[in-house]
PDB file of N, CA and C in Angstrom:
ATOM      1  N   MET A   1      10.660  30.614  10.979  1.00  0.00           N
ATOM      2  CA  MET A   1       8.970  30.027  10.876  1.00  0.00           C
ATOM      3  C   MET A   1       8.389  28.805  11.792  1.00  0.00           C
ATOM      4  N   LEU A   2       7.866  29.122  12.771  1.00  0.00           N
ATOM      5  CA  LEU A   2       7.340  27.283  13.058  1.00  0.00           C
ATOM      6  C   LEU A   2       6.439  26.825  12.745  1.00  0.00           C
ATOM      7  N   GLY A   3       6.828  25.736  12.263  1.00  0.00           N
ATOM      8  CA  GLY A   3       4.666  25.228  12.293  1.00  0.00           C
ATOM      9  C   GLY A   3       4.689  24.446  13.422  1.00  0.00           C
ATOM     10  N   TYR A   4       3.077  24.409  13.776  1.00  0.00           N
ATOM     11  CA  TYR A   4       2.922  23.231  14.658  1.00  0.00           C
ATOM     12  C   TYR A   4       1.771  22.917  14.304  1.00  0.00           C
ATOM     13  N   ILE A   5       1.568  21.481  14.073  1.00  0.00           N
ATOM     14  CA  ILE A   5       0.325  20.448  13.693  1.00  0.00           C
ATOM     15  C   ILE A   5       0.641  19.761  15.055  1.00  0.00           C
ATOM     16  N   SER A   6      -1.207  20.140  15.854  1.00  0.00           N
ATOM     17  CA  SER A   6      -1.290  19.742  17.145  1.00  0.00           C
ATOM     18  C   SER A   6      -2.392  19.087  17.102  1.00  0.00           C
ATOM     19  N   MET A   7      -2.542  17.784  17.840  1.00  0.00           N
ATOM     20  CA  MET A   7      -4.202  17.474  18.153  1.00  0.00           C
ATOM     21  C   MET A   7      -4.681  17.732  19.747  1.00  0.00           C
ATOM     22  N   GLY A   8      -5.239  18.311  20.242  1.00  0.00           N
ATOM     23  CA  GLY A   8      -5.444  19.056  21.528  1.00  0.00           C
ATOM     24  C   GLY A   8      -4.296  19.922  21.866  1.00  0.00           C
ATOM     25  N   LEU A   9      -3.636  19.252  23.283  1.00  0.00           N
ATOM     26  CA  LEU A   9      -2.776  19.853  23.870  1.00  0.00           C
ATOM     27  C   LEU A   9      -0.927  19.298  23.221  1.00  0.00           C
ATOM     28  N   LYS A  10      -1.149  17.783  22.291  1.00  0.00           N
ATOM     29  CA  LYS A  10       0.027  16.940  22.398  1.00  0.00           C
ATOM     30  C   LYS A  10       0.598  17.883  20.793  1.00  0.00           C
ATOM     31  N   ILE A  11       1.915  18.157  20.488  1.00  0.00           N
ATOM     32  CA  ILE A  11       1.979  18.570  19.105  1.00  0.00           C
ATOM     33  C   ILE A  11       2.757  17.294  18.622  1.00  0.00           C
ATOM     34  N   ILE A  12       2.384  17.577  17.066  1.00  0.00           N
ATOM     35  CA  ILE A  12       2.227  16.058  16.217  1.00  0.00           C
ATOM     36  C   ILE A  12       3.743  16.175  15.252  1.00  0.00           C
ATOM     37  N   LEU A  13       3.415  17.478  14.765  1.00  0.00           N
ATOM     38  CA  LEU A  13       5.059  17.854  14.256  1.00  0.00           C
ATOM     39  C   LEU A  13       5.266  19.144  14.410  1.00  0.00           C
ATOM     40  N   LYS A  14       6.569  19.112  14.500  1.00  0.00           N
ATOM     41  CA  LYS A  14       7.010  20.768  14.457  1.00  0.00           C
ATOM     42  C   LYS A  14       8.250  20.656  13.253  1.00  0.00           C
ATOM     43  N   ILE A  15       7.765  22.053  12.167  1.00  0.00           N
ATOM     44  CA  ILE A  15       8.423  21.980  10.929  1.00  0.00           C
ATOM     45  C   ILE A  15       9.103  23.984  11.112  1.00  0.00           C
ATOM     46  N   ASP A  16      10.398  23.696  10.855  1.00  0.00           N
ATOM     47  CA  ASP A  16      10.858  24.589  10.920  1.00  0.00           C
ATOM     48  C   ASP A  16      11.594  25.493   9.419  1.00  0.00           C
ATOM     49  N   LEU A  17      10.000  26.090   9.235  1.00  0.00           N
ATOM     50  CA  LEU A  17      10.754  26.795   7.725  1.00  0.00           C
ATOM     51  C   LEU A  17      11.585  27.390   7.505  1.00  0.00           C
ATOM     52  N   SER A  18      11.794  28.306   8.290  1.00  0.00           N
ATOM     53  CA  SER A  18      13.224  29.424   7.741  1.00  0.00           C
ATOM     54  C   SER A  18      14.219  28.595   8.032  1.00  0.00           C
ATOM     55  N   SER A  19      14.353  27.258   8.500  1.00  0.00           N
ATOM     56  CA  SER A  19      15.882  26.611   8.211  1.00  0.00           C
ATOM     57  C   SER A  19      15.841  26.026   7.170  1.00  0.00           C
ATOM     58  N   TRP A  20      14.386  25.731   6.661  1.00  0.00           N
ATOM     59  CA  TRP A  20      14.499  24.950   5.185  1.00  0.00           C
ATOM     60  C   TRP A  20      14.982  25.915   4.735  1.00  0.00           C
ATOM     61  N   ILE A  21      14.554  27.351   4.366  1.00  0.00           N
ATOM     62  CA  ILE A  21      14.314  28.124   3.455  1.00  0.00           C
ATOM     63  C   ILE A  21      15.288  28.899   2.960  1.00  0.00           C
ATOM     64  N   SER A  22      16.356  29.145   4.637  1.00  0.00           N
ATOM     65  CA  SER A  22      17.920  29.974   4.456  1.00  0.00           C
ATOM     66  C   SER A  22      18.368  28.615   4.172  1.00  0.00           C
ATOM     67  N   GLY A  23      18.521  27.351   4.294  1.00  0.00           N
ATOM     68  CA  GLY A  23      19.470  26.297   3.897  1.00  0.00           C
ATOM     69  C   GLY A  23      19.537  26.125   1.877  1.00  0.00           C
ATOM     70  N   ASN A  24      18.535  26.644   1.853  1.00  0.00           N
ATOM     71  CA  ASN A  24      18.213  26.128   0.138  1.00  0.00           C
ATOM     72  C   ASN A  24      18.163  27.407  -0.479  1.00  0.00           C
ATOM     73  N   PRO A  25      19.435  27.270  -1.682  1.00  0.00           N
ATOM     74  CA  PRO A  25      19.913  27.931  -3.133  1.00  0.00           C
ATOM     75  C   PRO A  25      18.078  28.693  -3.518  1.00  0.00           C
ATOM     76  N   LYS A  26      18.427  30.351  -3.883  1.00  0.00           N
ATOM     77  CA  LYS A  26      17.543  30.783  -4.530  1.00  0.00           C
ATOM     78  C   LYS A  26      16.623  29.726  -5.795  1.00  0.00           C
ATOM     79  N   ASP A  27      17.525  29.279  -6.517  1.00  0.00           N
ATOM     80  CA  ASP A  27      16.767  29.033  -7.467  1.00  0.00           C
ATOM     81  C   ASP A  27      15.655  27.482  -7.365  1.00  0.00           C
ATOM     82  N   ILE A  28      16.248  27.375  -6.256  1.00  0.00           N
ATOM     83  CA  ILE A  28      15.445  25.834  -5.856  1.00  0.00           C
ATOM     84  C   ILE A  28      13.564  26.462  -4.752  1.00  0.00           C
ATOM     85  N   LEU A  29      14.419  27.473  -4.255  1.00  0.00           N
ATOM     86  CA  LEU A  29      13.034  28.480  -3.922  1.00  0.00           C
ATOM     87  C   LEU A  29      12.214  28.888  -4.989  1.00  0.00           C
ATOM     88  N   LYS A  30      12.689  28.938  -5.912  1.00  0.00           N
ATOM     89  CA  LYS A  30      11.889  29.734  -6.849  1.00  0.00           C
ATOM     90  C   LYS A  30      11.040  28.944  -7.221  1.00  0.00           C
ATOM     91  N   SER A  31      11.373  27.218  -7.527  1.00  0.00           N
ATOM     92  CA  SER A  31      11.117  26.469  -8.585  1.00  0.00           C
ATOM     93  C   SER A  31      10.082  25.692  -7.951  1.00  0.00           C
ATOM     94  N   ASN A  32      10.695  25.718  -6.207  1.00  0.00           N
ATOM     95  CA  ASN A  32       9.235  24.913  -5.299  1.00  0.00           C
ATOM     96  C   ASN A  32       7.701  26.346  -4.975  1.00  0.00           C
ATOM     97  N   PHE A  33       8.038  27.145  -4.766  1.00  0.00           N
ATOM     98  CA  PHE A  33       7.329  28.525  -4.875  1.00  0.00           C
ATOM     99  C   PHE A  33       6.509  28.837  -5.905  1.00  0.00           C
ATOM    100  N   GLY A  34       7.256  28.934  -6.958  1.00  0.00           N
ATOM    101  CA  GLY A  34       6.818  29.294  -8.444  1.00  0.00           C
ATOM    102  C   GLY A  34       6.735  31.165  -8.390  1.00  0.00           C
ATOM    103  N   VAL A  35       7.531  31.371  -7.595  1.00  0.00           N
ATOM    104  CA  VAL A  35       7.627  33.112  -7.948  1.00  0.00           C
ATOM    105  C   VAL A  35       9.120  33.644  -8.050  1.00  0.00           C
ATOM    106  N   ALA A  36       9.271  34.455  -8.134  1.00  0.00           N
ATOM    107  CA  ALA A  36      10.632  35.612  -8.658  1.00  0.00           C
ATOM    108  C   ALA A  36      11.395  35.953  -7.488  1.00  0.00           C
ATOM    109  N   SER A  37      12.724  36.119  -7.880  1.00  0.00           N
ATOM    110  CA  SER A  37      13.302  36.054  -7.265  1.00  0.00           C
ATOM    111  C   SER A  37      13.679  37.390  -5.982  1.00  0.00           C
ATOM    112  N   ASP A  38      12.740  38.001  -6.605  1.00  0.00           N
ATOM    113  CA  ASP A  38      12.339  39.278  -5.418  1.00  0.00           C
ATOM    114  C   ASP A  38      11.720  38.840  -4.074  1.00  0.00           C
ATOM    115  N   ILE A  39      10.589  38.202  -4.934  1.00  0.00           N
ATOM    116  CA  ILE A  39       9.832  38.189  -3.767  1.00  0.00           C
ATOM    117  C   ILE A  39      10.518  36.799  -2.704  1.00  0.00           C
ATOM    118  N   ILE A  40      11.295  36.116  -2.763  1.00  0.00           N
ATOM    119  CA  ILE A  40      11.983  35.522  -1.904  1.00  0.00           C
ATOM    120  C   ILE A  40      12.696  36.044  -1.001  1.00  0.00           C
ATOM    121  N   ASP A  41      13.454  37.156  -1.798  1.00  0.00           N
ATOM    122  CA  ASP A  41      13.752  38.150  -0.611  1.00  0.00           C
ATOM    123  C   ASP A  41      13.237  38.643   0.597  1.00  0.00           C
ATOM    124  N   LYS A  42      11.843  38.785   0.654  1.00  0.00           N
ATOM    125  CA  LYS A  42      11.348  39.353   1.358  1.00  0.00           C
ATOM    126  C   LYS A  42      10.568  37.967   2.525  1.00  0.00           C
ATOM    127  N   PHE A  43      10.789  37.311   2.385  1.00  0.00           N
ATOM    128  CA  PHE A  43      10.810  36.234   2.949  1.00  0.00           C
ATOM    129  C   PHE A  43      11.470  36.429   4.271  1.00  0.00           C
ATOM    130  N   PRO A  44      10.591  36.052   5.165  1.00  0.00           N
ATOM    131  CA  PRO A  44      11.606  37.036   6.962  1.00  0.00           C
ATOM    132  C   PRO A  44      12.689  35.556   7.468  1.00  0.00           C
ATOM    133  N   LYS A  45      13.880  35.860   7.742  1.00  0.00           N
ATOM    134  CA  LYS A  45      15.192  35.931   8.064  1.00  0.00           C
ATOM    135  C   LYS A  45      14.912  35.419   9.242  1.00  0.00           C
ATOM    136  N   SER A  46      14.616  35.656  10.402  1.00  0.00           N
ATOM    137  CA  SER A  46      14.148  35.226  11.240  1.00  0.00           C
ATOM    138  C   SER A  46      13.141  34.185  11.691  1.00  0.00           C
ATOM    139  N   ASP A  47      12.963  33.736  12.602  1.00  0.00           N
ATOM    140  CA  ASP A  47      12.551  32.836  13.083  1.00  0.00           C
ATOM    141  C   ASP A  47      10.763  33.577  13.533  1.00  0.00           C
ATOM    142  N   GLN A  48      10.049  32.821  13.024  1.00  0.00           N
ATOM    143  CA  GLN A  48       8.366  33.632  13.272  1.00  0.00           C
ATOM    144  C   GLN A  48       7.352  32.082  13.596  1.00  0.00           C
ATOM    145  N   LEU A  49       6.570  32.705  14.402  1.00  0.00           N
ATOM    146  CA  LEU A  49       5.994  31.965  14.878  1.00  0.00           C
ATOM    147  C   LEU A  49       4.379  31.454  14.447  1.00  0.00           C
ATOM    148  N   ILE A  50       4.160  30.411  14.223  1.00  0.00           N
ATOM    149  CA  ILE A  50       2.962  30.143  13.269  1.00  0.00           C
ATOM    150  C   ILE A  50       2.117  28.269  14.297  1.00  0.00           C
ATOM    151  N   ILE A  51       1.084  29.186  14.576  1.00  0.00           N
ATOM    152  CA  ILE A  51       0.162  27.674  15.143  1.00  0.00           C
ATOM    153  C   ILE A  51      -0.974  27.327  14.129  1.00  0.00           C
ATOM    154  N   LEU A  52      -0.949  26.257  13.797  1.00  0.00           N
ATOM    155  CA  LEU A  52      -2.318  25.975  12.723  1.00  0.00           C
ATOM    156  C   LEU A  52      -2.686  24.813  14.066  1.00  0.00           C
TER     157      LEU A  52
END
């Protein structure tokens, strides 16, 4: 999942949430997001594109 923060056509910040989520253990994700393990299992495993 990629998140972009932009001003006009210039990209200010690119955040790769999929890499961050897949690189962390479930217990860290549970505490950061405040959700149960079964919800974390439903997080996307492949890249998703979000443009803000």
